[in-house]
Amino acid sequence: MMNWIQFVPTTDAHLIATLNRSIHEHHVAMNPHFFAPYDEENVREAFEPLMTKPEHHFEWIHVDDERVGYVWFEEKVSEANAFRHAVRVVHIRHISIEPRFKRKGYGRLAVERVEQFAKAHGFESIELDYWNQNEQAALFYEELGFEPKRQIVTKSIKGEG
């Protein structure tokens, strides 16, 4: 049961790198040929420059006295050009919930938090992506009202002559 919950903005790369472990290891298990093994120091170093950019937002989820996880989202804004209209969207990069807190509604609250941010800042949509084989993520996001927008396909040419 959820009690007192707060989303706390942070620029603490060490904290986010620590909370990133479970989601990163999940990605490695799903796709070990793509994702590098989790290395807390490397992850921290990757987050540090992103945390200095005003369009990137990192918030850790604080419930009672526990660190439950984090959400990382980005404001994506670009001008119109000859091929498309201007783009203003909030992109959810990560939602990471510690394993012992999964399936308790914290991921849903993280999405709601991003929706609140988007509405308050004049964005009309949020987007995210996940790996096709992550069926749990697909069901979760569909349940929250997300719809497919674009399909990315790949073709392996390894070993072709």
Protein backbone atom coordinates (compact mmCIF):
# COMPACT_ATOMS: atom_id res chain seq x y z
CA MET A 1 0.00 0.00 0.00
CA MET A 2 1.36 3.42 -0.93
CA ASN A 3 1.82 5.97 1.77
CA TRP A 4 3.57 9.33 1.54
CA ILE A 5 5.12 9.70 -1.94
CA GLN A 6 7.25 12.46 -3.39
CA PHE A 7 9.06 12.98 -6.68
CA VAL A 8 12.35 14.68 -5.83
CA PRO A 9 14.28 16.47 -8.60
CA THR A 10 17.96 15.60 -8.46
CA THR A 11 21.33 16.17 -10.11
CA ASP A 12 22.92 13.39 -8.03
CA ALA A 13 24.35 11.12 -10.71
CA HIS A 14 25.55 8.62 -8.12
CA LEU A 15 22.01 8.19 -6.75
CA ILE A 16 20.48 7.74 -10.20
CA ALA A 17 23.26 5.34 -11.27
CA THR A 18 22.56 3.25 -8.18
CA LEU A 19 18.82 3.24 -8.84
CA ASN A 20 19.50 2.43 -12.52
CA ARG A 21 20.98 -0.98 -11.71
CA SER A 22 17.75 -2.99 -11.79
CA ILE A 23 16.44 -1.55 -15.06
CA HIS A 24 19.86 -1.79 -16.69
CA GLU A 25 20.30 -5.43 -15.66
CA HIS A 26 16.78 -6.15 -16.94
CA HIS A 27 17.78 -4.69 -20.32
CA VAL A 28 21.03 -6.68 -20.37
CA ALA A 29 19.08 -9.89 -19.65
CA MET A 30 16.65 -9.11 -22.50
CA ASN A 31 19.26 -8.06 -25.02
CA PRO A 32 22.84 -8.95 -23.96
CA HIS A 33 24.21 -8.35 -27.47
CA PHE A 34 23.12 -4.71 -27.33
CA PHE A 35 23.50 -3.62 -23.70
CA ALA A 36 26.84 -3.47 -21.89
CA PRO A 37 27.00 -5.08 -18.45
CA TYR A 38 26.03 -2.74 -15.63
CA ASP A 39 28.96 -0.76 -14.27
CA GLU A 40 27.89 1.81 -11.69
CA GLU A 41 30.85 4.13 -12.32
CA ASN A 42 30.32 4.13 -16.10
CA VAL A 43 26.60 4.74 -15.67
CA ARG A 44 27.26 7.61 -13.25
CA GLU A 45 29.69 9.17 -15.73
CA ALA A 46 27.10 8.83 -18.50
CA PHE A 47 24.41 10.55 -16.42
CA GLU A 48 26.55 13.45 -15.18
CA PRO A 49 26.62 15.56 -18.39
CA LEU A 50 22.92 14.88 -19.06
CA MET A 51 22.04 16.23 -15.63
CA THR A 52 23.53 19.61 -16.54
CA LYS A 53 21.15 20.03 -19.49
CA PRO A 54 17.96 21.91 -18.62
CA GLU A 55 15.81 19.81 -20.95
CA HIS A 56 16.65 16.59 -19.04
CA HIS A 57 14.78 15.96 -15.78
CA PHE A 58 15.69 13.33 -13.21
CA GLU A 59 13.40 12.72 -10.24
CA TRP A 60 13.81 9.99 -7.68
CA ILE A 61 10.73 8.49 -6.09
CA HIS A 62 10.65 8.83 -2.32
CA VAL A 63 8.03 6.82 -0.43
CA ASP A 64 8.05 7.15 3.33
CA ASP A 65 11.76 6.58 4.07
CA GLU A 66 12.51 4.50 0.96
CA ARG A 67 14.07 5.23 -2.42
CA VAL A 68 11.68 3.38 -4.70
CA GLY A 69 13.14 4.30 -8.11
CA TYR A 70 13.40 7.20 -10.52
CA VAL A 71 12.00 8.70 -13.67
CA TRP A 72 14.09 10.45 -16.32
CA PHE A 73 12.33 12.50 -18.96
CA GLU A 74 13.37 14.99 -21.63
CA GLU A 75 11.69 17.98 -23.20
CA LYS A 76 12.12 17.57 -26.97
CA VAL A 77 11.53 20.75 -28.91
CA SER A 78 12.47 21.37 -32.53
CA GLU A 79 11.49 23.86 -35.19
CA ALA A 80 9.39 23.07 -38.24
CA ASN A 81 11.26 22.34 -41.45
CA ALA A 82 10.49 21.31 -45.02
CA PHE A 83 9.63 17.75 -43.92
CA ARG A 84 7.62 18.14 -40.74
CA HIS A 85 5.88 20.48 -38.33
CA ALA A 86 7.53 21.76 -35.15
CA VAL A 87 7.86 19.14 -32.42
CA ARG A 88 7.11 19.68 -28.74
CA VAL A 89 6.94 16.46 -26.77
CA VAL A 90 8.08 15.13 -23.42
CA HIS A 91 9.99 11.88 -23.90
CA ILE A 92 10.21 9.44 -21.01
CA ARG A 93 13.73 7.99 -21.13
CA HIS A 94 13.60 5.71 -18.08
CA ILE A 95 11.25 4.59 -15.41
CA SER A 96 13.16 2.42 -12.99
CA ILE A 97 11.44 0.87 -9.99
CA GLU A 98 13.43 -1.19 -7.49
CA PRO A 99 12.43 -4.88 -7.72
CA ARG A 100 10.85 -5.09 -4.25
CA PHE A 101 8.55 -2.16 -5.12
CA LYS A 102 7.38 -3.38 -8.53
CA ARG A 103 3.69 -3.97 -9.21
CA LYS A 104 2.64 -1.56 -6.48
CA GLY A 105 1.60 1.35 -8.73
CA TYR A 106 4.82 3.40 -8.65
CA GLY A 107 5.44 3.12 -12.40
CA ARG A 108 1.91 4.39 -13.04
CA LEU A 109 2.54 7.29 -10.65
CA ALA A 110 5.79 8.09 -12.49
CA VAL A 111 3.90 8.34 -15.78
CA GLU A 112 1.26 10.51 -14.10
CA ARG A 113 4.03 12.76 -12.75
CA VAL A 114 5.41 13.24 -16.28
CA GLU A 115 1.91 13.95 -17.57
CA GLN A 116 1.49 16.65 -14.91
CA PHE A 117 4.82 18.21 -15.90
CA ALA A 118 3.89 18.12 -19.59
CA LYS A 119 0.50 19.77 -19.03
CA ALA A 120 1.98 22.43 -16.74
CA HIS A 121 4.59 23.32 -19.38
CA GLY A 122 2.31 23.43 -22.42
CA PHE A 123 3.20 20.08 -23.99
CA GLU A 124 0.37 18.21 -25.68
CA SER A 125 1.89 14.74 -25.63
CA ILE A 126 4.40 12.43 -24.03
CA GLU A 127 6.18 9.55 -25.70
CA LEU A 128 8.48 6.71 -24.79
CA ASP A 129 9.97 3.61 -26.30
CA TYR A 130 10.61 0.03 -25.18
CA TRP A 131 12.04 -3.13 -26.69
CA ASN A 132 9.55 -5.28 -28.64
CA GLN A 133 10.33 -8.37 -26.57
CA ASN A 134 9.44 -6.51 -23.36
CA GLU A 135 5.84 -7.69 -23.36
CA GLN A 136 5.21 -6.53 -19.80
CA ALA A 137 6.17 -2.98 -20.75
CA ALA A 138 3.97 -3.14 -23.85
CA LEU A 139 0.94 -4.19 -21.80
CA PHE A 140 1.66 -1.64 -19.07
CA TYR A 141 1.95 1.31 -21.45
CA GLU A 142 -1.05 0.21 -23.51
CA GLU A 143 -3.07 0.10 -20.29
CA LEU A 144 -1.98 3.70 -19.62
CA GLY A 145 -3.23 4.85 -23.03
CA PHE A 146 -0.03 4.87 -25.08
CA GLU A 147 -0.44 3.97 -28.75
CA PRO A 148 2.20 2.84 -31.26
CA LYS A 149 3.49 5.72 -33.36
CA ARG A 150 6.44 4.41 -35.30
CA GLN A 151 8.05 1.03 -35.88
CA ILE A 152 11.81 0.57 -36.06
CA VAL A 153 12.99 -2.63 -37.73
CA THR A 154 16.46 -4.14 -38.03
CA LYS A 155 18.12 -6.68 -40.26
CA SER A 156 21.21 -8.53 -39.13
CA ILE A 157 23.84 -8.82 -41.86
CA LYS A 158 26.42 -10.49 -39.67
CA GLY A 159 27.82 -13.43 -41.52
CA GLU A 160 26.36 -12.44 -44.89
CA GLY A 161 28.79 -12.58 -47.65
